[in-house]
Amino acid sequence: MEPRREFVLIEMLEKIFAPSSGKVKLGIGDDAAVVDCKPGNKVFSTDTLVEDVHFNRAFHPPRLLGNKAIAVNVSDINAMGGEAEFALLAMAIPQTTGDDYLEKIGQGIAEGCRQYGLEIIGGDITRSPGPFFINIMIWGSVKKYATRSGAKPGDDIWVTGFLGDSHAGWLWLSGEADETELELIKNEVKENRLNEKIFFLAKANINPKVCSKAGPLVAPLVNSMIDVSDGLSNDLGHICTASNVGAEINLDLLPLSPALKWWAKNRGKDPRKIALAGGEDYQLLFSAPPERESEIRSVFDSLKVKCSKIGKIKEKTRGIKFFDKKGYQPVEVEGWDHFA
């Protein structure tokens, strides 16, 4: 990237991400940012979106791509029980990328920051000889943090929201949709121009929403927690490995949206398998003692967020098993793998 254009882009982003709180003593424009942090624990995370791995420019609106870059990082902070405060943005940009596209990404990132209450305070821009990269490094405060390693036999297993919608949306976007439909999605058309259920699934993938208030409220009540980014079965496996336990999941209790059920039925697929292995749901998966059930339900009722009890933590020797009304079912523990 030519130095002159780099500085122009930095100036553009500096205006979009102008500091909005007194905590930022020095933001974009210097060698590093300066932030006035309160005492207590801080929680840090980072995530990268790579073109043709996590998104496709042919149909992913740049504004919603920027918003998603923030949401997936907020999801990690939320799963630890933290509240996001600040972020650094880094982008590796192909030479052919237009400034209008980059500005729309910046606008989407700014919208995500306003939605989740954090600020971009700096970062880096460079040229990429290949795909487009967006990296967000994020941090915030946490009072009572939750980890993957605290699950105990006897815990109930809970998950928020619906599962599998994002993966079904991705399968439609990347293989089933025609050019006209992809243009409608790319241009953020109103849903009455597309099948309502298809539009719901597509939005779940390109514009995920995170209930960022849930993590801090439920963290004091749980023994373990993770966000569902790699698929329920995979992320449950992470908890079981870290906690040295097993688990049993009732397939009949998996929260499935009407849109996913419709989509799967029309394609002869089992929606439960999509829910288990899909990924990019960005819901909370956690385990908690049974005596905490009323408090947990109260938290999510107050937030008006769906939360489902789907199984039990077991002893490690039991492994991870899935069952329904017909008995135990052979389901592989699988999900998203970047290197598969």
C-alpha atoms as a PDB file:
ATOM      1  CA  MET A   1       0.000   0.000   0.000  1.00  0.00           C
ATOM      2  CA  GLU A   2       1.311   3.439  -0.924  1.00  0.00           C
ATOM      3  CA  PRO A   3       2.267   5.452   2.180  1.00  0.00           C
ATOM      4  CA  ARG A   4       0.075   8.358   1.117  1.00  0.00           C
ATOM      5  CA  ARG A   5      -3.018   6.166   0.843  1.00  0.00           C
ATOM      6  CA  GLU A   6      -2.198   4.496   4.154  1.00  0.00           C
ATOM      7  CA  PHE A   7      -2.199   7.881   5.899  1.00  0.00           C
ATOM      8  CA  VAL A   8      -5.466   8.847   4.191  1.00  0.00           C
ATOM      9  CA  LEU A   9      -7.092   5.631   5.428  1.00  0.00           C
ATOM     10  CA  ILE A  10      -5.771   6.180   8.947  1.00  0.00           C
ATOM     11  CA  GLU A  11      -7.177   9.711   8.961  1.00  0.00           C
ATOM     12  CA  MET A  12     -10.535   8.358   7.740  1.00  0.00           C
ATOM     13  CA  LEU A  13     -10.632   5.738  10.486  1.00  0.00           C
ATOM     14  CA  GLU A  14      -9.473   8.262  13.082  1.00  0.00           C
ATOM     15  CA  LYS A  15     -12.602  10.299  12.353  1.00  0.00           C
ATOM     16  CA  ILE A  16     -14.894   7.254  12.427  1.00  0.00           C
ATOM     17  CA  PHE A  17     -13.406   6.003  15.718  1.00  0.00           C
ATOM     18  CA  ALA A  18     -13.066   9.338  17.525  1.00  0.00           C
ATOM     19  CA  PRO A  19     -12.815   8.779  21.326  1.00  0.00           C
ATOM     20  CA  SER A  20     -16.165   9.042  23.099  1.00  0.00           C
ATOM     21  CA  SER A  21     -15.128   8.627  26.735  1.00  0.00           C
ATOM     22  CA  GLY A  22     -12.723  10.308  29.108  1.00  0.00           C
ATOM     23  CA  LYS A  23     -10.880   7.026  29.653  1.00  0.00           C
ATOM     24  CA  VAL A  24      -8.939   7.405  26.391  1.00  0.00           C
ATOM     25  CA  LYS A  25      -6.054   9.761  27.127  1.00  0.00           C
ATOM     26  CA  LEU A  26      -4.409   9.215  23.745  1.00  0.00           C
ATOM     27  CA  GLY A  27      -6.084   7.380  20.854  1.00  0.00           C
ATOM     28  CA  ILE A  28      -5.355   6.825  17.167  1.00  0.00           C
ATOM     29  CA  GLY A  29      -2.474   8.793  15.688  1.00  0.00           C
ATOM     30  CA  ASP A  30       0.517   8.029  17.904  1.00  0.00           C
ATOM     31  CA  ASP A  31       2.762   4.978  18.342  1.00  0.00           C
ATOM     32  CA  ALA A  32       0.466   3.551  21.013  1.00  0.00           C
ATOM     33  CA  ALA A  33      -2.729   4.364  22.851  1.00  0.00           C
ATOM     34  CA  VAL A  34      -2.974   5.519  26.457  1.00  0.00           C
ATOM     35  CA  VAL A  35      -5.977   4.451  28.534  1.00  0.00           C
ATOM     36  CA  ASP A  36      -6.907   5.288  32.117  1.00  0.00           C
ATOM     37  CA  CYS A  37      -7.821   1.840  33.540  1.00  0.00           C
ATOM     38  CA  LYS A  38      -9.578   1.201  36.827  1.00  0.00           C
ATOM     39  CA  PRO A  39      -8.137  -1.300  39.323  1.00  0.00           C
ATOM     40  CA  GLY A  40      -9.272  -4.901  39.084  1.00  0.00           C
ATOM     41  CA  ASN A  41      -9.036  -7.805  36.636  1.00  0.00           C
ATOM     42  CA  LYS A  42      -8.814  -7.194  32.912  1.00  0.00           C
ATOM     43  CA  VAL A  43      -9.721  -9.750  30.249  1.00  0.00           C
ATOM     44  CA  PHE A  44      -8.070  -9.823  26.800  1.00  0.00           C
ATOM     45  CA  SER A  45      -8.803 -11.615  23.537  1.00  0.00           C
ATOM     46  CA  THR A  46      -8.189 -11.377  19.802  1.00  0.00           C
ATOM     47  CA  ASP A  47      -9.829 -12.808  16.702  1.00  0.00           C
ATOM     48  CA  THR A  48      -9.129 -12.653  12.973  1.00  0.00           C
ATOM     49  CA  LEU A  49     -11.542 -12.764  10.029  1.00  0.00           C
ATOM     50  CA  VAL A  50      -9.931 -13.961   6.787  1.00  0.00           C
ATOM     51  CA  GLU A  51     -11.467 -13.532   3.343  1.00  0.00           C
ATOM     52  CA  ASP A  52     -12.688 -16.838   1.839  1.00  0.00           C
ATOM     53  CA  VAL A  53     -12.314 -18.532   5.214  1.00  0.00           C
ATOM     54  CA  HIS A  54     -14.668 -16.514   7.426  1.00  0.00           C
ATOM     55  CA  PHE A  55     -16.374 -14.312   4.852  1.00  0.00           C
ATOM     56  CA  ASN A  56     -16.901 -13.934   1.135  1.00  0.00           C
ATOM     57  CA  ARG A  57     -16.904 -10.478  -0.394  1.00  0.00           C
ATOM     58  CA  ALA A  58     -19.240 -11.692  -3.141  1.00  0.00           C
ATOM     59  CA  PHE A  59     -22.179 -11.586  -0.737  1.00  0.00           C
ATOM     60  CA  HIS A  60     -21.074 -10.293   2.672  1.00  0.00           C
ATOM     61  CA  PRO A  61     -22.017  -6.590   2.981  1.00  0.00           C
ATOM     62  CA  PRO A  62     -18.924  -4.659   4.127  1.00  0.00           C
ATOM     63  CA  ARG A  63     -20.848  -2.765   6.807  1.00  0.00           C
ATOM     64  CA  LEU A  64     -22.095  -6.010   8.345  1.00  0.00           C
ATOM     65  CA  LEU A  65     -18.616  -7.526   8.015  1.00  0.00           C
ATOM     66  CA  GLY A  66     -17.265  -4.708  10.186  1.00  0.00           C
ATOM     67  CA  ASN A  67     -20.033  -5.242  12.698  1.00  0.00           C
ATOM     68  CA  LYS A  68     -19.363  -8.995  12.779  1.00  0.00           C
ATOM     69  CA  ALA A  69     -15.652  -8.411  13.412  1.00  0.00           C
ATOM     70  CA  ILE A  70     -16.631  -6.661  16.646  1.00  0.00           C
ATOM     71  CA  ALA A  71     -19.380  -9.123  17.613  1.00  0.00           C
ATOM     72  CA  VAL A  72     -17.201 -12.244  17.423  1.00  0.00           C
ATOM     73  CA  ASN A  73     -14.633 -10.627  19.708  1.00  0.00           C
ATOM     74  CA  VAL A  74     -17.230  -9.365  22.163  1.00  0.00           C
ATOM     75  CA  SER A  75     -18.510 -12.945  22.290  1.00  0.00           C
ATOM     76  CA  ASP A  76     -15.158 -14.137  23.687  1.00  0.00           C
ATOM     77  CA  ILE A  77     -15.140 -11.447  26.377  1.00  0.00           C
ATOM     78  CA  ASN A  78     -18.784 -12.220  27.193  1.00  0.00           C
ATOM     79  CA  ALA A  79     -18.011 -15.931  27.622  1.00  0.00           C
ATOM     80  CA  MET A  80     -15.460 -15.057  30.303  1.00  0.00           C
ATOM     81  CA  GLY A  81     -18.016 -12.974  32.179  1.00  0.00           C
ATOM     82  CA  GLY A  82     -16.347  -9.718  31.140  1.00  0.00           C
ATOM     83  CA  GLU A  83     -17.511  -6.411  29.706  1.00  0.00           C
ATOM     84  CA  ALA A  84     -15.663  -5.162  26.628  1.00  0.00           C
ATOM     85  CA  GLU A  85     -14.168  -1.669  26.852  1.00  0.00           C
ATOM     86  CA  PHE A  86     -11.475  -1.083  24.210  1.00  0.00           C
ATOM     87  CA  ALA A  87     -10.169  -2.615  20.997  1.00  0.00           C
ATOM     88  CA  LEU A  88      -7.309  -2.347  18.517  1.00  0.00           C
ATOM     89  CA  LEU A  89      -8.008  -2.838  14.807  1.00  0.00           C
ATOM     90  CA  ALA A  90      -5.559  -4.281  12.277  1.00  0.00           C
ATOM     91  CA  MET A  91      -6.304  -4.802   8.588  1.00  0.00           C
ATOM     92  CA  ALA A  92      -4.263  -6.309   5.745  1.00  0.00           C
ATOM     93  CA  ILE A  93      -5.825  -4.914   2.580  1.00  0.00           C
ATOM     94  CA  PRO A  94      -5.450  -6.114  -1.027  1.00  0.00           C
ATOM     95  CA  GLN A  95      -4.293  -3.343  -3.373  1.00  0.00           C
ATOM     96  CA  THR A  96      -7.515  -3.531  -5.426  1.00  0.00           C
ATOM     97  CA  THR A  97      -9.804  -2.774  -2.466  1.00  0.00           C
ATOM     98  CA  GLY A  98     -11.623   0.530  -2.898  1.00  0.00           C
ATOM     99  CA  ASP A  99     -11.802   3.215  -0.225  1.00  0.00           C
ATOM    100  CA  ASP A 100     -15.617   3.102  -0.274  1.00  0.00           C
ATOM    101  CA  TYR A 101     -15.540  -0.582   0.719  1.00  0.00           C
ATOM    102  CA  LEU A 102     -13.094   0.172   3.551  1.00  0.00           C
ATOM    103  CA  GLU A 103     -15.182   3.082   4.775  1.00  0.00           C
ATOM    104  CA  LYS A 104     -18.269   0.870   4.969  1.00  0.00           C
ATOM    105  CA  ILE A 105     -16.286  -1.687   6.978  1.00  0.00           C
ATOM    106  CA  GLY A 106     -15.201   1.129   9.296  1.00  0.00           C
ATOM    107  CA  GLN A 107     -18.789   2.288   9.690  1.00  0.00           C
ATOM    108  CA  GLY A 108     -19.856  -1.249  10.588  1.00  0.00           C
ATOM    109  CA  ILE A 109     -17.071  -1.530  13.162  1.00  0.00           C
ATOM    110  CA  ALA A 110     -18.130   1.809  14.651  1.00  0.00           C
ATOM    111  CA  GLU A 111     -21.748   0.625  14.835  1.00  0.00           C
ATOM    112  CA  GLY A 112     -20.622  -2.545  16.601  1.00  0.00           C
ATOM    113  CA  CYS A 113     -18.598  -0.489  19.074  1.00  0.00           C
ATOM    114  CA  ARG A 114     -21.629   1.656  19.899  1.00  0.00           C
ATOM    115  CA  GLN A 115     -23.832  -1.419  20.200  1.00  0.00           C
ATOM    116  CA  TYR A 116     -21.522  -3.182  22.643  1.00  0.00           C
ATOM    117  CA  GLY A 117     -20.120  -0.144  24.458  1.00  0.00           C
ATOM    118  CA  LEU A 118     -16.440  -0.206  23.484  1.00  0.00           C
ATOM    119  CA  GLU A 119     -14.007   2.042  21.644  1.00  0.00           C
ATOM    120  CA  ILE A 120     -11.401   1.496  18.917  1.00  0.00           C
ATOM    121  CA  ILE A 121      -8.271   3.289  20.153  1.00  0.00           C
ATOM    122  CA  GLY A 122      -5.631   2.343  17.577  1.00  0.00           C
ATOM    123  CA  GLY A 123      -4.263  -0.401  15.358  1.00  0.00           C
ATOM    124  CA  ASP A 124      -2.397  -1.014  12.122  1.00  0.00           C
ATOM    125  CA  ILE A 125      -3.048  -1.008   8.383  1.00  0.00           C
ATOM    126  CA  THR A 126      -0.884  -2.791   5.825  1.00  0.00           C
ATOM    127  CA  ARG A 127      -1.125  -4.173   2.298  1.00  0.00           C
ATOM    128  CA  SER A 128      -1.945  -7.813   1.660  1.00  0.00           C
ATOM    129  CA  PRO A 129      -0.738  -9.617  -1.497  1.00  0.00           C
ATOM    130  CA  GLY A 130      -3.598 -12.068  -1.095  1.00  0.00           C
ATOM    131  CA  PRO A 131      -6.854 -12.120   0.861  1.00  0.00           C
ATOM    132  CA  PHE A 132      -8.316  -9.446   3.106  1.00  0.00           C
ATOM    133  CA  PHE A 133      -7.603  -9.781   6.857  1.00  0.00           C
ATOM    134  CA  ILE A 134      -9.397  -8.059   9.736  1.00  0.00           C
ATOM    135  CA  ASN A 135      -8.006  -8.560  13.240  1.00  0.00           C
ATOM    136  CA  ILE A 136      -9.486  -7.159  16.426  1.00  0.00           C
ATOM    137  CA  MET A 137      -7.608  -7.225  19.732  1.00  0.00           C
ATOM    138  CA  ILE A 138     -10.121  -6.551  22.505  1.00  0.00           C
ATOM    139  CA  TRP A 139     -10.088  -6.154  26.264  1.00  0.00           C
ATOM    140  CA  GLY A 140     -12.345  -5.224  29.123  1.00  0.00           C
ATOM    141  CA  SER A 141     -13.080  -5.586  32.811  1.00  0.00           C
ATOM    142  CA  VAL A 142     -14.299  -8.637  34.672  1.00  0.00           C
ATOM    143  CA  LYS A 143     -15.451  -9.033  38.285  1.00  0.00           C
ATOM    144  CA  LYS A 144     -16.164 -12.780  38.462  1.00  0.00           C
ATOM    145  CA  TYR A 145     -14.616 -14.584  35.511  1.00  0.00           C
ATOM    146  CA  ALA A 146     -15.766 -17.941  34.174  1.00  0.00           C
ATOM    147  CA  THR A 147     -13.499 -20.537  32.556  1.00  0.00           C
ATOM    148  CA  ARG A 148     -13.778 -23.795  30.636  1.00  0.00           C
ATOM    149  CA  SER A 149     -12.137 -25.784  33.405  1.00  0.00           C
ATOM    150  CA  GLY A 150     -14.618 -25.668  36.280  1.00  0.00           C
ATOM    151  CA  ALA A 151     -17.365 -28.083  35.175  1.00  0.00           C
ATOM    152  CA  LYS A 152     -18.315 -30.704  37.781  1.00  0.00           C
ATOM    153  CA  PRO A 153     -20.222 -33.996  37.496  1.00  0.00           C
ATOM    154  CA  GLY A 154     -23.864 -33.292  38.286  1.00  0.00           C
ATOM    155  CA  ASP A 155     -23.857 -29.839  36.704  1.00  0.00           C
ATOM    156  CA  ASP A 156     -26.683 -28.970  34.357  1.00  0.00           C
ATOM    157  CA  ILE A 157     -25.614 -27.979  30.828  1.00  0.00           C
ATOM    158  CA  TRP A 158     -27.241 -24.856  29.383  1.00  0.00           C
ATOM    159  CA  VAL A 159     -27.100 -22.996  26.077  1.00  0.00           C
ATOM    160  CA  THR A 160     -28.568 -19.657  25.038  1.00  0.00           C
ATOM    161  CA  GLY A 161     -30.488 -18.790  21.872  1.00  0.00           C
ATOM    162  CA  PHE A 162     -30.846 -21.084  18.859  1.00  0.00           C
ATOM    163  CA  LEU A 163     -28.173 -23.358  17.395  1.00  0.00           C
ATOM    164  CA  GLY A 164     -27.321 -24.128  13.783  1.00  0.00           C
ATOM    165  CA  ASP A 165     -28.883 -21.092  12.085  1.00  0.00           C
ATOM    166  CA  SER A 166     -25.549 -19.547  11.130  1.00  0.00           C
ATOM    167  CA  HIS A 167     -24.218 -22.732   9.554  1.00  0.00           C
ATOM    168  CA  ALA A 168     -27.415 -23.291   7.587  1.00  0.00           C
ATOM    169  CA  GLY A 169     -27.179 -19.673   6.428  1.00  0.00           C
ATOM    170  CA  TRP A 170     -23.582 -20.213   5.331  1.00  0.00           C
ATOM    171  CA  LEU A 171     -24.493 -23.385   3.412  1.00  0.00           C
ATOM    172  CA  TRP A 172     -27.220 -21.481   1.577  1.00  0.00           C
ATOM    173  CA  LEU A 173     -25.024 -18.458   0.863  1.00  0.00           C
ATOM    174  CA  SER A 174     -21.982 -20.418  -0.280  1.00  0.00           C
ATOM    175  CA  GLY A 175     -23.668 -23.127  -2.325  1.00  0.00           C
ATOM    176  CA  GLU A 176     -27.398 -22.751  -2.911  1.00  0.00           C
ATOM    177  CA  ALA A 177     -28.170 -19.080  -3.535  1.00  0.00           C
ATOM    178  CA  ASP A 178     -28.214 -17.771  -7.096  1.00  0.00           C
ATOM    179  CA  GLU A 179     -26.512 -14.546  -8.211  1.00  0.00           C
ATOM    180  CA  THR A 180     -29.678 -12.464  -7.860  1.00  0.00           C
ATOM    181  CA  GLU A 181     -30.215 -13.648  -4.285  1.00  0.00           C
ATOM    182  CA  LEU A 182     -26.575 -12.979  -3.376  1.00  0.00           C
ATOM    183  CA  GLU A 183     -26.856  -9.438  -4.746  1.00  0.00           C
ATOM    184  CA  LEU A 184     -29.942  -8.858  -2.587  1.00  0.00           C
ATOM    185  CA  ILE A 185     -28.012 -10.043   0.476  1.00  0.00           C
ATOM    186  CA  LYS A 186     -24.909  -8.012  -0.413  1.00  0.00           C
ATOM    187  CA  ASN A 187     -26.997  -4.860  -0.793  1.00  0.00           C
ATOM    188  CA  GLU A 188     -28.831  -5.449   2.512  1.00  0.00           C
ATOM    189  CA  VAL A 189     -32.309  -5.632   0.990  1.00  0.00           C
ATOM    190  CA  LYS A 190     -35.439  -5.902   3.093  1.00  0.00           C
ATOM    191  CA  GLU A 191     -36.463  -9.436   3.882  1.00  0.00           C
ATOM    192  CA  ASN A 192     -39.700  -9.279   1.840  1.00  0.00           C
ATOM    193  CA  ARG A 193     -37.574  -9.629  -1.294  1.00  0.00           C
ATOM    194  CA  LEU A 194     -36.380 -13.061  -0.140  1.00  0.00           C
ATOM    195  CA  ASN A 195     -37.933 -16.070   1.549  1.00  0.00           C
ATOM    196  CA  GLU A 196     -38.346 -14.967   5.171  1.00  0.00           C
ATOM    197  CA  LYS A 197     -36.810 -18.124   6.644  1.00  0.00           C
ATOM    198  CA  ILE A 198     -33.836 -18.032   4.248  1.00  0.00           C
ATOM    199  CA  PHE A 199     -33.231 -14.381   5.102  1.00  0.00           C
ATOM    200  CA  PHE A 200     -33.320 -15.238   8.828  1.00  0.00           C
ATOM    201  CA  LEU A 201     -30.644 -17.915   8.377  1.00  0.00           C
ATOM    202  CA  ALA A 202     -28.458 -15.718   6.171  1.00  0.00           C
ATOM    203  CA  LYS A 203     -28.608 -12.878   8.721  1.00  0.00           C
ATOM    204  CA  ALA A 204     -27.567 -15.288  11.476  1.00  0.00           C
ATOM    205  CA  ASN A 205     -24.327 -15.861   9.572  1.00  0.00           C
ATOM    206  CA  ILE A 206     -23.457 -12.421   8.227  1.00  0.00           C
ATOM    207  CA  ASN A 207     -24.769 -10.334  11.130  1.00  0.00           C
ATOM    208  CA  PRO A 208     -24.562 -12.311  14.412  1.00  0.00           C
ATOM    209  CA  LYS A 209     -25.807 -10.681  17.596  1.00  0.00           C
ATOM    210  CA  VAL A 210     -24.265 -11.206  21.028  1.00  0.00           C
ATOM    211  CA  CYS A 211     -26.117 -10.677  24.300  1.00  0.00           C
ATOM    212  CA  SER A 212     -23.145  -8.974  25.943  1.00  0.00           C
ATOM    213  CA  LYS A 213     -25.022  -8.348  29.206  1.00  0.00           C
ATOM    214  CA  ALA A 214     -25.572 -12.061  29.810  1.00  0.00           C
ATOM    215  CA  GLY A 215     -21.979 -13.128  30.504  1.00  0.00           C
ATOM    216  CA  PRO A 216     -21.276 -10.814  33.450  1.00  0.00           C
ATOM    217  CA  LEU A 217     -24.675 -11.567  35.024  1.00  0.00           C
ATOM    218  CA  VAL A 218     -24.524 -15.362  34.783  1.00  0.00           C
ATOM    219  CA  ALA A 219     -20.781 -15.825  35.456  1.00  0.00           C
ATOM    220  CA  PRO A 220     -21.185 -15.823  39.276  1.00  0.00           C
ATOM    221  CA  LEU A 221     -23.715 -18.681  38.951  1.00  0.00           C
ATOM    222  CA  VAL A 222     -21.802 -21.090  36.695  1.00  0.00           C
ATOM    223  CA  ASN A 223     -18.923 -23.541  37.061  1.00  0.00           C
ATOM    224  CA  SER A 224     -17.778 -23.351  33.425  1.00  0.00           C
ATOM    225  CA  MET A 225     -18.603 -21.325  30.323  1.00  0.00           C
ATOM    226  CA  ILE A 226     -17.576 -20.961  26.658  1.00  0.00           C
ATOM    227  CA  ASP A 227     -19.015 -19.306  23.566  1.00  0.00           C
ATOM    228  CA  VAL A 228     -20.348 -21.528  20.791  1.00  0.00           C
ATOM    229  CA  SER A 229     -18.112 -20.500  17.911  1.00  0.00           C
ATOM    230  CA  ASP A 230     -16.812 -23.868  16.674  1.00  0.00           C
ATOM    231  CA  GLY A 231     -20.038 -25.874  17.011  1.00  0.00           C
ATOM    232  CA  LEU A 232     -21.798 -27.152  20.133  1.00  0.00           C
ATOM    233  CA  SER A 233     -20.212 -30.613  20.094  1.00  0.00           C
ATOM    234  CA  ASN A 234     -16.722 -29.163  19.588  1.00  0.00           C
ATOM    235  CA  ASP A 235     -17.081 -26.480  22.259  1.00  0.00           C
ATOM    236  CA  LEU A 236     -18.638 -28.945  24.702  1.00  0.00           C
ATOM    237  CA  GLY A 237     -15.548 -31.062  24.060  1.00  0.00           C
ATOM    238  CA  HIS A 238     -13.363 -28.094  25.041  1.00  0.00           C
ATOM    239  CA  ILE A 239     -15.174 -27.812  28.394  1.00  0.00           C
ATOM    240  CA  CYS A 240     -14.966 -31.553  29.025  1.00  0.00           C
ATOM    241  CA  THR A 241     -11.258 -31.701  28.188  1.00  0.00           C
ATOM    242  CA  ALA A 242     -10.382 -28.669  30.309  1.00  0.00           C
ATOM    243  CA  SER A 243     -12.543 -29.847  33.214  1.00  0.00           C
ATOM    244  CA  ASN A 244     -11.610 -33.545  32.975  1.00  0.00           C
ATOM    245  CA  VAL A 245     -15.273 -34.604  32.808  1.00  0.00           C
ATOM    246  CA  GLY A 246     -17.777 -36.243  30.468  1.00  0.00           C
ATOM    247  CA  ALA A 247     -21.239 -35.121  29.361  1.00  0.00           C
ATOM    248  CA  GLU A 248     -24.604 -36.283  28.119  1.00  0.00           C
ATOM    249  CA  ILE A 249     -26.747 -34.156  25.800  1.00  0.00           C
ATOM    250  CA  ASN A 250     -30.458 -34.705  25.141  1.00  0.00           C
ATOM    251  CA  LEU A 251     -30.836 -34.151  21.402  1.00  0.00           C
ATOM    252  CA  ASP A 252     -34.561 -33.535  21.815  1.00  0.00           C
ATOM    253  CA  LEU A 253     -33.801 -30.477  23.966  1.00  0.00           C
ATOM    254  CA  LEU A 254     -31.502 -28.714  21.481  1.00  0.00           C
ATOM    255  CA  PRO A 255     -32.941 -25.251  20.733  1.00  0.00           C
ATOM    256  CA  LEU A 256     -33.769 -25.246  17.006  1.00  0.00           C
ATOM    257  CA  SER A 257     -35.377 -22.315  15.211  1.00  0.00           C
ATOM    258  CA  PRO A 258     -38.417 -22.832  12.958  1.00  0.00           C
ATOM    259  CA  ALA A 259     -36.299 -21.564  10.063  1.00  0.00           C
ATOM    260  CA  LEU A 260     -33.634 -24.234  10.595  1.00  0.00           C
ATOM    261  CA  LYS A 261     -36.224 -26.998  10.910  1.00  0.00           C
ATOM    262  CA  TRP A 262     -37.844 -25.869   7.648  1.00  0.00           C
ATOM    263  CA  TRP A 263     -34.519 -25.596   5.829  1.00  0.00           C
ATOM    264  CA  ALA A 264     -33.317 -29.016   7.024  1.00  0.00           C
ATOM    265  CA  LYS A 265     -36.613 -30.762   6.246  1.00  0.00           C
ATOM    266  CA  ASN A 266     -36.588 -29.482   2.666  1.00  0.00           C
ATOM    267  CA  ARG A 267     -33.090 -30.905   2.187  1.00  0.00           C
ATOM    268  CA  GLY A 268     -33.522 -34.211   3.966  1.00  0.00           C
ATOM    269  CA  LYS A 269     -31.099 -33.215   6.737  1.00  0.00           C
ATOM    270  CA  ASP A 270     -31.253 -33.719  10.494  1.00  0.00           C
ATOM    271  CA  PRO A 271     -31.386 -30.201  11.995  1.00  0.00           C
ATOM    272  CA  ARG A 272     -29.914 -31.541  15.235  1.00  0.00           C
ATOM    273  CA  LYS A 273     -26.670 -32.465  13.466  1.00  0.00           C
ATOM    274  CA  ILE A 274     -26.493 -28.976  11.949  1.00  0.00           C
ATOM    275  CA  ALA A 275     -26.950 -27.564  15.456  1.00  0.00           C
ATOM    276  CA  LEU A 276     -24.228 -29.785  16.919  1.00  0.00           C
ATOM    277  CA  ALA A 277     -21.556 -29.275  14.282  1.00  0.00           C
ATOM    278  CA  GLY A 278     -22.309 -25.920  12.657  1.00  0.00           C
ATOM    279  CA  GLY A 279     -20.384 -23.206  14.448  1.00  0.00           C
ATOM    280  CA  GLU A 280     -20.508 -19.400  14.472  1.00  0.00           C
ATOM    281  CA  ASP A 281     -23.612 -19.306  16.680  1.00  0.00           C
ATOM    282  CA  TYR A 282     -21.905 -17.057  19.273  1.00  0.00           C
ATOM    283  CA  GLN A 283     -24.215 -18.274  22.029  1.00  0.00           C
ATOM    284  CA  LEU A 284     -23.184 -19.092  25.591  1.00  0.00           C
ATOM    285  CA  LEU A 285     -22.668 -22.724  26.599  1.00  0.00           C
ATOM    286  CA  PHE A 286     -22.239 -23.239  30.337  1.00  0.00           C
ATOM    287  CA  SER A 287     -22.573 -25.690  33.196  1.00  0.00           C
ATOM    288  CA  ALA A 288     -23.980 -24.899  36.616  1.00  0.00           C
ATOM    289  CA  PRO A 289     -25.128 -26.680  39.795  1.00  0.00           C
ATOM    290  CA  PRO A 290     -28.823 -27.703  39.675  1.00  0.00           C
ATOM    291  CA  GLU A 291     -29.588 -25.493  42.683  1.00  0.00           C
ATOM    292  CA  ARG A 292     -28.745 -22.444  40.551  1.00  0.00           C
ATOM    293  CA  GLU A 293     -31.521 -23.119  38.042  1.00  0.00           C
ATOM    294  CA  SER A 294     -34.036 -20.560  39.327  1.00  0.00           C
ATOM    295  CA  GLU A 295     -31.378 -17.828  39.449  1.00  0.00           C
ATOM    296  CA  ILE A 296     -30.188 -18.671  35.933  1.00  0.00           C
ATOM    297  CA  ARG A 297     -33.723 -18.577  34.563  1.00  0.00           C
ATOM    298  CA  SER A 298     -34.303 -15.268  36.316  1.00  0.00           C
ATOM    299  CA  VAL A 299     -31.207 -13.740  34.674  1.00  0.00           C
ATOM    300  CA  PHE A 300     -32.237 -14.729  31.168  1.00  0.00           C
ATOM    301  CA  ASP A 301     -35.906 -13.904  31.715  1.00  0.00           C
ATOM    302  CA  SER A 302     -34.838 -10.383  32.719  1.00  0.00           C
ATOM    303  CA  LEU A 303     -32.785 -10.107  29.518  1.00  0.00           C
ATOM    304  CA  LYS A 304     -35.554 -11.697  27.422  1.00  0.00           C
ATOM    305  CA  VAL A 305     -33.001 -14.196  26.109  1.00  0.00           C
ATOM    306  CA  LYS A 306     -33.853 -17.820  25.359  1.00  0.00           C
ATOM    307  CA  CYS A 307     -31.887 -20.250  27.530  1.00  0.00           C
ATOM    308  CA  SER A 308     -32.261 -24.034  27.363  1.00  0.00           C
ATOM    309  CA  LYS A 309     -31.137 -26.812  29.693  1.00  0.00           C
ATOM    310  CA  ILE A 310     -29.889 -29.569  27.378  1.00  0.00           C
ATOM    311  CA  GLY A 311     -27.919 -32.105  29.431  1.00  0.00           C
ATOM    312  CA  LYS A 312     -25.697 -33.064  32.334  1.00  0.00           C
ATOM    313  CA  ILE A 313     -22.001 -33.100  33.129  1.00  0.00           C
ATOM    314  CA  LYS A 314     -20.879 -36.662  33.916  1.00  0.00           C
ATOM    315  CA  GLU A 315     -17.746 -38.397  35.140  1.00  0.00           C
ATOM    316  CA  LYS A 316     -14.905 -38.464  32.608  1.00  0.00           C
ATOM    317  CA  THR A 317     -15.225 -42.243  32.169  1.00  0.00           C
ATOM    318  CA  ARG A 318     -18.684 -41.736  30.628  1.00  0.00           C
ATOM    319  CA  GLY A 319     -17.235 -39.760  27.716  1.00  0.00           C
ATOM    320  CA  ILE A 320     -19.491 -37.447  25.699  1.00  0.00           C
ATOM    321  CA  LYS A 321     -22.788 -39.048  24.713  1.00  0.00           C
ATOM    322  CA  PHE A 322     -25.919 -37.901  22.888  1.00  0.00           C
ATOM    323  CA  PHE A 323     -29.381 -39.385  23.296  1.00  0.00           C
ATOM    324  CA  ASP A 324     -33.015 -38.848  22.372  1.00  0.00           C
ATOM    325  CA  LYS A 325     -36.288 -40.613  23.080  1.00  0.00           C
ATOM    326  CA  LYS A 326     -35.044 -43.590  21.045  1.00  0.00           C
ATOM    327  CA  GLY A 327     -31.893 -44.002  23.149  1.00  0.00           C
ATOM    328  CA  TYR A 328     -28.225 -43.173  22.711  1.00  0.00           C
ATOM    329  CA  GLN A 329     -27.265 -41.982  19.240  1.00  0.00           C
ATOM    330  CA  PRO A 330     -23.890 -42.294  17.442  1.00  0.00           C
ATOM    331  CA  VAL A 331     -22.847 -38.657  16.990  1.00  0.00           C
ATOM    332  CA  GLU A 332     -19.240 -37.670  16.382  1.00  0.00           C
ATOM    333  CA  VAL A 333     -17.850 -34.804  18.453  1.00  0.00           C
ATOM    334  CA  GLU A 334     -17.074 -32.412  15.634  1.00  0.00           C
ATOM    335  CA  GLY A 335     -17.356 -28.805  14.550  1.00  0.00           C
ATOM    336  CA  TRP A 336     -15.425 -26.069  12.788  1.00  0.00           C
ATOM    337  CA  ASP A 337     -11.734 -26.788  12.212  1.00  0.00           C
ATOM    338  CA  HIS A 338      -9.659 -24.143  10.417  1.00  0.00           C
ATOM    339  CA  PHE A 339      -7.203 -26.755   9.189  1.00  0.00           C
ATOM    340  CA  ALA A 340      -9.599 -29.538   8.201  1.00  0.00           C
END
